[in-house]
């Protein structure tokens, strides 16, 4: 990741996940030459989500997103996937923080059910 808005966005997402899911475990997975830092993954009772940076966006993919209520329509990517759903952020101010926290809380509740 280069030093730009995406790093700040990932840090903000990380703090929102910790707020919504106290005790969450963050791990870096899938390290490779093109991404030596790996992909941040967040788990609590099972996988919650992954956070990836791309040239033009930050993508937060919820492992079981299709089963999480999203009344404010935060999910905007992978909407036709069978199980997962994602949030693509193209600018630092694209995220409704309260609605995102609710998605994380929903993912944790689903993992615990």
N, C-alpha and C. Protein backbone atom coordinates (compact mmCIF):
# COMPACT_ATOMS: atom_id res chain seq x y z
N UNK A 1 0.84 -1.18 0.00
CA UNK A 1 0.00 0.00 0.00
C UNK A 1 0.89 1.24 0.00
N UNK A 2 0.56 2.18 -0.83
CA UNK A 2 1.31 3.42 -0.84
C UNK A 2 0.69 4.40 0.16
N UNK A 3 1.43 5.46 0.43
CA UNK A 3 0.97 6.42 1.43
C UNK A 3 -0.07 7.37 0.82
N UNK A 4 -1.33 7.02 0.91
CA UNK A 4 -2.41 7.82 0.35
C UNK A 4 -3.69 7.59 1.12
N UNK A 5 -4.80 8.05 0.60
CA UNK A 5 -6.09 7.97 1.29
C UNK A 5 -6.47 6.54 1.63
N UNK A 6 -5.98 5.56 0.86
CA UNK A 6 -6.35 4.17 1.11
C UNK A 6 -5.82 3.68 2.46
N UNK A 7 -4.64 4.09 2.84
CA UNK A 7 -4.08 3.68 4.13
C UNK A 7 -4.92 4.23 5.27
N UNK A 8 -5.28 5.51 5.17
CA UNK A 8 -6.14 6.11 6.19
C UNK A 8 -7.50 5.42 6.24
N UNK A 9 -8.02 5.05 5.07
CA UNK A 9 -9.30 4.36 5.01
C UNK A 9 -9.21 2.98 5.67
N UNK A 10 -8.14 2.24 5.39
CA UNK A 10 -7.96 0.93 6.02
C UNK A 10 -7.85 1.09 7.53
N UNK A 11 -7.12 2.08 7.99
CA UNK A 11 -7.00 2.32 9.43
C UNK A 11 -8.35 2.65 10.05
N UNK A 12 -9.14 3.45 9.35
CA UNK A 12 -10.48 3.80 9.83
C UNK A 12 -11.37 2.57 9.89
N UNK A 13 -11.31 1.75 8.86
CA UNK A 13 -12.10 0.51 8.82
C UNK A 13 -11.69 -0.39 9.98
N UNK A 14 -10.40 -0.52 10.19
CA UNK A 14 -9.88 -1.34 11.28
C UNK A 14 -10.45 -0.86 12.62
N UNK A 15 -10.45 0.45 12.86
CA UNK A 15 -10.96 0.95 14.15
C UNK A 15 -12.46 0.73 14.28
N UNK A 16 -13.20 0.82 13.18
CA UNK A 16 -14.64 0.56 13.23
C UNK A 16 -14.92 -0.92 13.52
N UNK A 17 -14.10 -1.80 12.96
CA UNK A 17 -14.27 -3.24 13.21
C UNK A 17 -14.01 -3.54 14.68
N UNK A 18 -12.95 -2.97 15.23
CA UNK A 18 -12.63 -3.17 16.65
C UNK A 18 -13.74 -2.61 17.53
N UNK A 19 -14.31 -1.47 17.15
CA UNK A 19 -15.42 -0.88 17.90
C UNK A 19 -16.64 -1.81 17.89
N UNK A 20 -16.93 -2.37 16.74
CA UNK A 20 -18.13 -3.20 16.60
C UNK A 20 -17.94 -4.61 17.14
N UNK A 21 -16.69 -5.07 17.19
CA UNK A 21 -16.41 -6.45 17.57
C UNK A 21 -15.23 -6.52 18.54
N UNK A 22 -15.45 -6.10 19.79
CA UNK A 22 -14.37 -6.19 20.77
C UNK A 22 -13.86 -7.63 20.85
N UNK A 23 -12.55 -7.78 20.85
CA UNK A 23 -11.95 -9.11 20.88
C UNK A 23 -11.66 -9.67 19.50
N UNK A 24 -11.96 -8.90 18.47
CA UNK A 24 -11.71 -9.35 17.10
C UNK A 24 -10.21 -9.66 16.92
N UNK A 25 -9.93 -10.64 16.09
CA UNK A 25 -8.55 -11.03 15.79
C UNK A 25 -8.23 -10.59 14.37
N UNK A 26 -7.15 -9.85 14.23
CA UNK A 26 -6.69 -9.44 12.90
C UNK A 26 -5.46 -10.26 12.54
N UNK A 27 -5.45 -10.80 11.33
CA UNK A 27 -4.31 -11.53 10.81
C UNK A 27 -4.04 -11.08 9.39
N UNK A 28 -2.78 -11.15 8.97
CA UNK A 28 -2.43 -10.90 7.57
C UNK A 28 -2.31 -12.26 6.89
N UNK A 29 -3.08 -12.45 5.83
CA UNK A 29 -3.06 -13.72 5.10
C UNK A 29 -2.74 -13.48 3.64
N UNK A 30 -2.42 -14.50 2.96
CA UNK A 30 -2.20 -14.52 1.51
C UNK A 30 -1.09 -13.56 1.10
N UNK A 31 0.04 -13.64 1.79
CA UNK A 31 1.21 -12.84 1.41
C UNK A 31 1.79 -13.39 0.12
N UNK A 32 2.21 -12.48 -0.76
CA UNK A 32 2.86 -12.88 -2.01
C UNK A 32 3.74 -11.73 -2.47
N UNK A 33 4.54 -11.96 -3.49
CA UNK A 33 5.49 -10.96 -3.95
C UNK A 33 4.81 -9.64 -4.30
N UNK A 34 3.66 -9.70 -4.92
CA UNK A 34 2.96 -8.47 -5.31
C UNK A 34 2.23 -7.81 -4.13
N UNK A 35 2.10 -8.53 -3.01
CA UNK A 35 1.45 -7.98 -1.81
C UNK A 35 2.15 -8.56 -0.58
N UNK A 36 3.37 -8.09 -0.30
CA UNK A 36 4.15 -8.69 0.79
C UNK A 36 3.54 -8.50 2.18
N UNK A 37 2.68 -7.48 2.36
CA UNK A 37 2.03 -7.27 3.64
C UNK A 37 0.85 -8.20 3.85
N UNK A 38 0.38 -8.83 2.78
CA UNK A 38 -0.76 -9.72 2.87
C UNK A 38 -2.07 -8.96 2.94
N UNK A 39 -3.15 -9.71 3.16
CA UNK A 39 -4.50 -9.15 3.22
C UNK A 39 -4.96 -9.18 4.68
N UNK A 40 -5.33 -8.03 5.23
CA UNK A 40 -5.86 -8.04 6.59
C UNK A 40 -7.19 -8.80 6.64
N UNK A 41 -7.26 -9.75 7.55
CA UNK A 41 -8.50 -10.51 7.75
C UNK A 41 -8.91 -10.34 9.21
N UNK A 42 -10.22 -10.28 9.43
CA UNK A 42 -10.75 -10.04 10.76
C UNK A 42 -11.71 -11.17 11.11
N UNK A 43 -11.48 -11.78 12.29
CA UNK A 43 -12.28 -12.93 12.71
C UNK A 43 -12.72 -12.78 14.16
N UNK A 44 -13.90 -13.32 14.43
CA UNK A 44 -14.41 -13.44 15.79
C UNK A 44 -15.51 -14.49 15.72
N UNK A 45 -15.20 -15.68 16.18
CA UNK A 45 -16.15 -16.78 16.05
C UNK A 45 -16.27 -17.26 14.61
N UNK A 46 -15.35 -16.87 13.77
CA UNK A 46 -15.34 -17.16 12.34
C UNK A 46 -14.93 -15.91 11.59
N UNK A 47 -14.70 -16.05 10.31
CA UNK A 47 -14.26 -14.93 9.49
C UNK A 47 -15.36 -13.88 9.39
N UNK A 48 -15.00 -12.63 9.66
CA UNK A 48 -15.92 -11.51 9.49
C UNK A 48 -15.73 -10.92 8.09
N UNK A 49 -14.50 -10.42 7.84
CA UNK A 49 -14.26 -9.76 6.56
C UNK A 49 -12.76 -9.69 6.26
N UNK A 50 -12.48 -9.33 5.01
CA UNK A 50 -11.13 -9.03 4.57
C UNK A 50 -11.12 -7.60 4.07
N UNK A 51 -9.94 -6.97 4.09
CA UNK A 51 -9.81 -5.60 3.61
C UNK A 51 -8.65 -5.57 2.62
N UNK A 52 -8.96 -5.21 1.38
CA UNK A 52 -7.94 -5.18 0.34
C UNK A 52 -7.87 -3.80 -0.29
N UNK A 53 -6.66 -3.41 -0.67
CA UNK A 53 -6.50 -2.15 -1.37
C UNK A 53 -6.19 -2.43 -2.83
N UNK A 54 -6.78 -1.62 -3.67
CA UNK A 54 -6.55 -1.65 -5.11
C UNK A 54 -6.12 -0.26 -5.53
N UNK A 55 -5.74 -0.13 -6.77
CA UNK A 55 -5.28 1.16 -7.29
C UNK A 55 -6.30 2.28 -7.05
N UNK A 56 -7.58 1.97 -7.23
CA UNK A 56 -8.61 3.00 -7.18
C UNK A 56 -9.59 2.86 -6.03
N UNK A 57 -9.40 1.84 -5.16
CA UNK A 57 -10.41 1.62 -4.12
C UNK A 57 -9.87 0.79 -2.96
N UNK A 58 -10.67 0.77 -1.91
CA UNK A 58 -10.50 -0.17 -0.80
C UNK A 58 -11.74 -1.05 -0.82
N UNK A 59 -11.52 -2.36 -0.76
CA UNK A 59 -12.63 -3.33 -0.81
C UNK A 59 -12.69 -4.08 0.52
N UNK A 60 -13.86 -4.04 1.14
CA UNK A 60 -14.11 -4.79 2.36
C UNK A 60 -15.10 -5.90 1.98
N UNK A 61 -14.64 -7.15 2.06
CA UNK A 61 -15.48 -8.27 1.68
C UNK A 61 -15.91 -9.04 2.92
N UNK A 62 -17.21 -9.15 3.10
CA UNK A 62 -17.78 -9.88 4.22
C UNK A 62 -18.03 -11.32 3.79
N UNK A 63 -17.44 -12.26 4.52
CA UNK A 63 -17.50 -13.68 4.15
C UNK A 63 -18.93 -14.19 4.01
N UNK A 64 -19.81 -13.78 4.91
CA UNK A 64 -21.20 -14.24 4.90
C UNK A 64 -22.15 -13.07 4.69
N UNK A 65 -21.72 -12.11 3.90
CA UNK A 65 -22.47 -10.88 3.72
C UNK A 65 -23.89 -11.05 3.22
N UNK A 66 -24.13 -12.06 2.39
CA UNK A 66 -25.48 -12.26 1.84
C UNK A 66 -26.49 -12.57 2.94
N UNK A 67 -26.03 -13.04 4.09
CA UNK A 67 -26.92 -13.40 5.19
C UNK A 67 -27.06 -12.29 6.23
N UNK A 68 -26.42 -11.14 5.99
CA UNK A 68 -26.46 -10.03 6.95
C UNK A 68 -27.46 -8.98 6.46
N UNK A 69 -28.32 -8.53 7.35
CA UNK A 69 -29.27 -7.47 7.00
C UNK A 69 -28.50 -6.20 6.65
N UNK A 70 -28.90 -5.56 5.57
CA UNK A 70 -28.25 -4.34 5.11
C UNK A 70 -29.31 -3.32 4.68
N UNK A 71 -30.13 -2.84 5.63
CA UNK A 71 -31.23 -1.94 5.26
C UNK A 71 -30.77 -0.61 4.67
N UNK A 72 -29.56 -0.17 4.99
CA UNK A 72 -29.07 1.10 4.47
C UNK A 72 -28.25 0.92 3.18
N UNK A 73 -28.20 -0.29 2.70
CA UNK A 73 -27.53 -0.63 1.43
C UNK A 73 -26.08 -0.17 1.38
N UNK A 74 -25.34 -0.58 2.39
CA UNK A 74 -23.92 -0.30 2.43
C UNK A 74 -23.19 -1.18 1.41
N UNK A 75 -23.62 -2.42 1.30
CA UNK A 75 -23.01 -3.31 0.31
C UNK A 75 -23.25 -2.75 -1.08
N UNK A 76 -22.18 -2.65 -1.86
CA UNK A 76 -22.30 -2.13 -3.22
C UNK A 76 -21.52 -2.95 -4.24
N UNK A 77 -21.01 -4.10 -3.82
CA UNK A 77 -20.23 -4.96 -4.71
C UNK A 77 -20.48 -6.42 -4.36
N UNK A 78 -20.24 -7.28 -5.33
CA UNK A 78 -20.47 -8.72 -5.16
C UNK A 78 -21.91 -9.01 -4.78
N UNK A 79 -22.82 -8.20 -5.27
CA UNK A 79 -24.22 -8.32 -4.88
C UNK A 79 -24.88 -9.59 -5.44
N UNK A 80 -24.29 -10.16 -6.47
CA UNK A 80 -24.86 -11.38 -7.05
C UNK A 80 -24.13 -12.63 -6.59
N UNK A 81 -23.15 -12.48 -5.70
CA UNK A 81 -22.43 -13.63 -5.17
C UNK A 81 -23.35 -14.42 -4.24
N UNK A 82 -23.14 -15.71 -4.17
CA UNK A 82 -24.02 -16.55 -3.37
C UNK A 82 -23.91 -16.34 -1.88
N UNK A 83 -22.73 -16.07 -1.38
CA UNK A 83 -22.53 -15.99 0.06
C UNK A 83 -21.94 -14.65 0.49
N UNK A 84 -20.98 -14.16 -0.20
CA UNK A 84 -20.27 -12.95 0.24
C UNK A 84 -20.92 -11.69 -0.32
N UNK A 85 -20.59 -10.57 0.30
CA UNK A 85 -20.96 -9.25 -0.18
C UNK A 85 -19.78 -8.34 0.14
N UNK A 86 -19.67 -7.23 -0.59
CA UNK A 86 -18.53 -6.34 -0.39
C UNK A 86 -18.96 -4.89 -0.40
N UNK A 87 -18.07 -4.08 0.16
CA UNK A 87 -18.21 -2.63 0.14
C UNK A 87 -16.97 -2.09 -0.58
N UNK A 88 -17.18 -1.45 -1.72
CA UNK A 88 -16.09 -0.81 -2.44
C UNK A 88 -16.09 0.67 -2.10
N UNK A 89 -14.96 1.16 -1.63
CA UNK A 89 -14.80 2.57 -1.27
C UNK A 89 -13.85 3.22 -2.26
N UNK A 90 -14.31 4.22 -2.98
CA UNK A 90 -13.52 4.89 -4.00
C UNK A 90 -12.97 6.24 -3.56
N UNK A 91 -13.37 6.69 -2.39
CA UNK A 91 -12.90 7.95 -1.83
C UNK A 91 -12.96 7.83 -0.31
N UNK A 92 -12.19 8.65 0.38
CA UNK A 92 -12.13 8.52 1.84
C UNK A 92 -13.45 8.77 2.56
N UNK A 93 -14.36 9.49 1.94
CA UNK A 93 -15.61 9.82 2.62
C UNK A 93 -16.79 8.98 2.14
N UNK A 94 -16.53 7.86 1.51
CA UNK A 94 -17.59 7.01 0.96
C UNK A 94 -18.32 6.15 2.00
N UNK A 95 -17.82 6.09 3.21
CA UNK A 95 -18.34 5.12 4.18
C UNK A 95 -19.28 5.74 5.21
N UNK A 96 -20.47 5.15 5.34
CA UNK A 96 -21.40 5.49 6.43
C UNK A 96 -20.93 4.66 7.63
N UNK A 97 -20.22 5.28 8.55
CA UNK A 97 -19.58 4.55 9.65
C UNK A 97 -20.57 3.82 10.53
N UNK A 98 -21.67 4.45 10.88
CA UNK A 98 -22.66 3.79 11.74
C UNK A 98 -23.24 2.55 11.07
N UNK A 99 -23.56 2.66 9.80
CA UNK A 99 -24.11 1.52 9.07
C UNK A 99 -23.07 0.41 8.92
N UNK A 100 -21.80 0.79 8.74
CA UNK A 100 -20.73 -0.20 8.63
C UNK A 100 -20.57 -0.96 9.94
N UNK A 101 -20.61 -0.24 11.06
CA UNK A 101 -20.50 -0.89 12.37
C UNK A 101 -21.64 -1.90 12.54
N UNK A 102 -22.82 -1.55 12.09
CA UNK A 102 -23.95 -2.48 12.16
C UNK A 102 -23.71 -3.74 11.33
N UNK A 103 -23.09 -3.59 10.15
CA UNK A 103 -22.77 -4.76 9.34
C UNK A 103 -21.79 -5.68 10.06
N UNK A 104 -20.77 -5.09 10.66
CA UNK A 104 -19.78 -5.89 11.40
C UNK A 104 -20.46 -6.60 12.56
N UNK A 105 -21.29 -5.89 13.30
CA UNK A 105 -22.01 -6.50 14.43
C UNK A 105 -22.90 -7.63 13.92
N UNK A 106 -23.53 -7.44 12.76
CA UNK A 106 -24.35 -8.49 12.18
C UNK A 106 -23.53 -9.71 11.79
N UNK A 107 -22.33 -9.48 11.28
CA UNK A 107 -21.46 -10.61 10.91
C UNK A 107 -21.03 -11.39 12.14
N UNK A 108 -20.71 -10.69 13.23
CA UNK A 108 -20.34 -11.35 14.47
C UNK A 108 -21.51 -12.16 15.02
N UNK A 109 -22.69 -11.56 15.02
CA UNK A 109 -23.89 -12.27 15.51
C UNK A 109 -24.14 -13.52 14.67
N UNK A 110 -23.96 -13.42 13.38
CA UNK A 110 -24.14 -14.58 12.50
C UNK A 110 -23.12 -15.67 12.82
N UNK A 111 -21.88 -15.27 13.05
CA UNK A 111 -20.84 -16.25 13.41
C UNK A 111 -21.15 -16.96 14.73
N UNK A 112 -21.80 -16.25 15.62
CA UNK A 112 -22.10 -16.83 16.94
C UNK A 112 -23.39 -17.64 16.96
N UNK A 113 -24.17 -17.56 15.90
CA UNK A 113 -25.46 -18.27 15.90
C UNK A 113 -25.31 -19.71 15.47
